[in-house]
Amino acid sequence: QVQLVESGGGLVQPGGSLRLSCTASGFTFSAATMSWYRQAPGKEREWVAVITSTGRNTNYTPSVKGRFTISRDNAKNTVYLQMNSLKPEDTAVYYCRAQGYTNWGQGTQVTVSS
């Protein structure tokens, strides 16, 4: 079955950086477009970034463009989210998802606070 395991979250000060990882199994990762989403307290889950199967194309929600970078390593079945210049409004639980599947992982908590 499809499994997604997110990691790398934590507490960071404003302006800091974190790198999230999502390791996938149960499907052909190298053929899948992958996305990151996030859900802040009291808010709906929102899409953050997407990367195509080869990694050639990426896209971002406007609020993170220029600060976040999505990448992938198909040999490791892993997608990454490098987050720089973090802001308090980036605080959320971050999830990855494979296009065409409804499964979610447990998420990883990112807290940006001084």
C-alpha atoms as a PDB file:
ATOM      1  CA  GLN A   1       0.000   0.000   0.000  1.00  0.00           C
ATOM      2  CA  VAL A   2       1.013   3.604  -0.468  1.00  0.00           C
ATOM      3  CA  GLN A   3       3.038   4.976   2.424  1.00  0.00           C
ATOM      4  CA  LEU A   4       4.406   8.478   2.843  1.00  0.00           C
ATOM      5  CA  VAL A   5       6.688   9.340   5.753  1.00  0.00           C
ATOM      6  CA  GLU A   6       7.521  12.985   6.329  1.00  0.00           C
ATOM      7  CA  SER A   7      10.385  14.148   8.535  1.00  0.00           C
ATOM      8  CA  GLY A   8      12.667  17.091   9.197  1.00  0.00           C
ATOM      9  CA  GLY A   9      10.318  19.485  10.929  1.00  0.00           C
ATOM     10  CA  GLY A  10      11.092  21.349  14.119  1.00  0.00           C
ATOM     11  CA  LEU A  11      11.241  24.679  15.880  1.00  0.00           C
ATOM     12  CA  VAL A  12      13.176  27.408  14.099  1.00  0.00           C
ATOM     13  CA  GLN A  13      13.565  31.153  14.546  1.00  0.00           C
ATOM     14  CA  PRO A  14      12.246  33.580  11.931  1.00  0.00           C
ATOM     15  CA  GLY A  15      14.724  33.810   9.083  1.00  0.00           C
ATOM     16  CA  GLY A  16      15.963  30.293   9.683  1.00  0.00           C
ATOM     17  CA  SER A  17      15.945  27.231   7.455  1.00  0.00           C
ATOM     18  CA  LEU A  18      14.689  23.667   7.507  1.00  0.00           C
ATOM     19  CA  ARG A  19      14.808  20.800   5.059  1.00  0.00           C
ATOM     20  CA  LEU A  20      11.856  18.454   4.997  1.00  0.00           C
ATOM     21  CA  SER A  21      11.965  14.946   3.564  1.00  0.00           C
ATOM     22  CA  CYS A  22       9.205  12.613   2.430  1.00  0.00           C
ATOM     23  CA  THR A  23      10.048   8.995   1.728  1.00  0.00           C
ATOM     24  CA  ALA A  24       7.504   7.071  -0.298  1.00  0.00           C
ATOM     25  CA  SER A  25       6.714   3.429  -0.936  1.00  0.00           C
ATOM     26  CA  GLY A  26       3.968   1.291  -2.438  1.00  0.00           C
ATOM     27  CA  PHE A  27       3.912   2.895  -5.874  1.00  0.00           C
ATOM     28  CA  THR A  28       6.265   3.799  -8.697  1.00  0.00           C
ATOM     29  CA  PHE A  29       7.780   6.908  -7.197  1.00  0.00           C
ATOM     30  CA  SER A  30       9.865   7.792 -10.247  1.00  0.00           C
ATOM     31  CA  ALA A  31       6.683   8.081 -12.320  1.00  0.00           C
ATOM     32  CA  ALA A  32       4.762  10.229  -9.863  1.00  0.00           C
ATOM     33  CA  THR A  33       4.324  13.966  -9.659  1.00  0.00           C
ATOM     34  CA  MET A  34       4.788  14.876  -6.004  1.00  0.00           C
ATOM     35  CA  SER A  35       3.488  17.792  -3.983  1.00  0.00           C
ATOM     36  CA  TRP A  36       3.936  19.338  -0.572  1.00  0.00           C
ATOM     37  CA  TYR A  37       0.967  20.689   1.349  1.00  0.00           C
ATOM     38  CA  ARG A  38       0.634  22.348   4.727  1.00  0.00           C
ATOM     39  CA  GLN A  39      -2.071  22.895   7.302  1.00  0.00           C
ATOM     40  CA  ALA A  40      -1.852  25.686   9.835  1.00  0.00           C
ATOM     41  CA  PRO A  41      -3.883  25.617  13.069  1.00  0.00           C
ATOM     42  CA  GLY A  42      -7.505  26.439  12.372  1.00  0.00           C
ATOM     43  CA  LYS A  43      -6.978  26.597   8.615  1.00  0.00           C
ATOM     44  CA  GLU A  44      -7.617  24.324   5.675  1.00  0.00           C
ATOM     45  CA  ARG A  45      -4.817  22.310   4.156  1.00  0.00           C
ATOM     46  CA  GLU A  46      -3.169  24.225   1.332  1.00  0.00           C
ATOM     47  CA  TRP A  47      -0.927  23.270  -1.545  1.00  0.00           C
ATOM     48  CA  VAL A  48       2.666  24.538  -1.280  1.00  0.00           C
ATOM     49  CA  ALA A  49       4.790  23.118  -4.101  1.00  0.00           C
ATOM     50  CA  VAL A  50       4.842  20.505  -6.860  1.00  0.00           C
ATOM     51  CA  ILE A  51       7.546  18.682  -8.791  1.00  0.00           C
ATOM     52  CA  THR A  52       7.118  16.521 -11.861  1.00  0.00           C
ATOM     53  CA  SER A  53       8.344  12.941 -12.027  1.00  0.00           C
ATOM     54  CA  THR A  54      11.701  13.793 -13.592  1.00  0.00           C
ATOM     55  CA  GLY A  55      12.198  16.864 -11.448  1.00  0.00           C
ATOM     56  CA  ARG A  56      12.379  19.055 -14.504  1.00  0.00           C
ATOM     57  CA  ASN A  57       9.383  21.206 -13.642  1.00  0.00           C
ATOM     58  CA  THR A  58       8.385  22.772 -10.342  1.00  0.00           C
ATOM     59  CA  ASN A  59       5.835  25.285  -9.159  1.00  0.00           C
ATOM     60  CA  TYR A  60       5.076  27.056  -5.897  1.00  0.00           C
ATOM     61  CA  THR A  61       2.301  28.893  -4.165  1.00  0.00           C
ATOM     62  CA  PRO A  62       3.099  32.634  -4.323  1.00  0.00           C
ATOM     63  CA  SER A  63       3.689  33.019  -0.593  1.00  0.00           C
ATOM     64  CA  VAL A  64       6.721  30.683  -0.654  1.00  0.00           C
ATOM     65  CA  LYS A  65       8.142  31.377  -4.114  1.00  0.00           C
ATOM     66  CA  GLY A  66      11.777  32.408  -3.849  1.00  0.00           C
ATOM     67  CA  ARG A  67      12.100  30.991  -0.322  1.00  0.00           C
ATOM     68  CA  PHE A  68      11.222  27.297  -0.721  1.00  0.00           C
ATOM     69  CA  THR A  69      12.723  24.769  -3.126  1.00  0.00           C
ATOM     70  CA  ILE A  70      11.213  21.383  -3.921  1.00  0.00           C
ATOM     71  CA  SER A  71      13.480  18.617  -5.207  1.00  0.00           C
ATOM     72  CA  ARG A  72      13.538  14.848  -5.443  1.00  0.00           C
ATOM     73  CA  ASP A  73      15.848  11.859  -5.528  1.00  0.00           C
ATOM     74  CA  ASN A  74      14.155   9.059  -7.436  1.00  0.00           C
ATOM     75  CA  ALA A  75      16.861   6.584  -6.423  1.00  0.00           C
ATOM     76  CA  LYS A  76      15.853   7.142  -2.794  1.00  0.00           C
ATOM     77  CA  ASN A  77      12.101   7.478  -3.368  1.00  0.00           C
ATOM     78  CA  THR A  78      12.315  10.793  -1.555  1.00  0.00           C
ATOM     79  CA  VAL A  79      11.039  14.290  -2.178  1.00  0.00           C
ATOM     80  CA  TYR A  80      12.464  17.268  -0.307  1.00  0.00           C
ATOM     81  CA  LEU A  81      11.362  20.760   0.625  1.00  0.00           C
ATOM     82  CA  GLN A  82      14.157  23.195   1.420  1.00  0.00           C
ATOM     83  CA  MET A  83      12.667  26.098   3.337  1.00  0.00           C
ATOM     84  CA  ASN A  84      14.683  29.274   3.763  1.00  0.00           C
ATOM     85  CA  SER A  85      13.864  32.690   5.222  1.00  0.00           C
ATOM     86  CA  LEU A  86      11.136  31.130   7.293  1.00  0.00           C
ATOM     87  CA  LYS A  87       8.350  33.301   8.656  1.00  0.00           C
ATOM     88  CA  PRO A  88       5.940  32.756  11.553  1.00  0.00           C
ATOM     89  CA  GLU A  89       3.144  32.319   9.005  1.00  0.00           C
ATOM     90  CA  ASP A  90       4.945  29.236   7.672  1.00  0.00           C
ATOM     91  CA  THR A  91       4.071  27.464  10.917  1.00  0.00           C
ATOM     92  CA  ALA A  92       2.041  24.377  10.000  1.00  0.00           C
ATOM     93  CA  VAL A  93       2.055  20.627   9.682  1.00  0.00           C
ATOM     94  CA  TYR A  94       3.637  19.774   6.337  1.00  0.00           C
ATOM     95  CA  TYR A  95       2.546  16.789   4.255  1.00  0.00           C
ATOM     96  CA  CYS A  96       3.585  15.262   0.961  1.00  0.00           C
ATOM     97  CA  ARG A  97       1.287  13.625  -1.512  1.00  0.00           C
ATOM     98  CA  ALA A  98       1.583  11.675  -4.752  1.00  0.00           C
ATOM     99  CA  GLN A  99      -0.596  12.771  -7.647  1.00  0.00           C
ATOM    100  CA  GLY A 100      -3.327  10.244  -8.318  1.00  0.00           C
ATOM    101  CA  TYR A 101      -3.374   8.884  -4.782  1.00  0.00           C
ATOM    102  CA  THR A 102      -5.470   9.958  -1.814  1.00  0.00           C
ATOM    103  CA  ASN A 103      -3.049   8.822   0.884  1.00  0.00           C
ATOM    104  CA  TRP A 104      -1.490  11.234   3.356  1.00  0.00           C
ATOM    105  CA  GLY A 105       1.404  10.673   5.700  1.00  0.00           C
ATOM    106  CA  GLN A 106       1.461  11.682   9.337  1.00  0.00           C
ATOM    107  CA  GLY A 107       3.001  15.032   8.500  1.00  0.00           C
ATOM    108  CA  THR A 108       5.864  16.886  10.137  1.00  0.00           C
ATOM    109  CA  GLN A 109       5.386  19.932  12.356  1.00  0.00           C
ATOM    110  CA  VAL A 110       7.187  23.155  11.460  1.00  0.00           C
ATOM    111  CA  THR A 111       7.077  25.938  14.024  1.00  0.00           C
ATOM    112  CA  VAL A 112       8.627  29.322  13.279  1.00  0.00           C
ATOM    113  CA  SER A 113       8.902  31.388  16.418  1.00  0.00           C
ATOM    114  CA  SER A 114      11.354  33.475  18.375  1.00  0.00           C
END
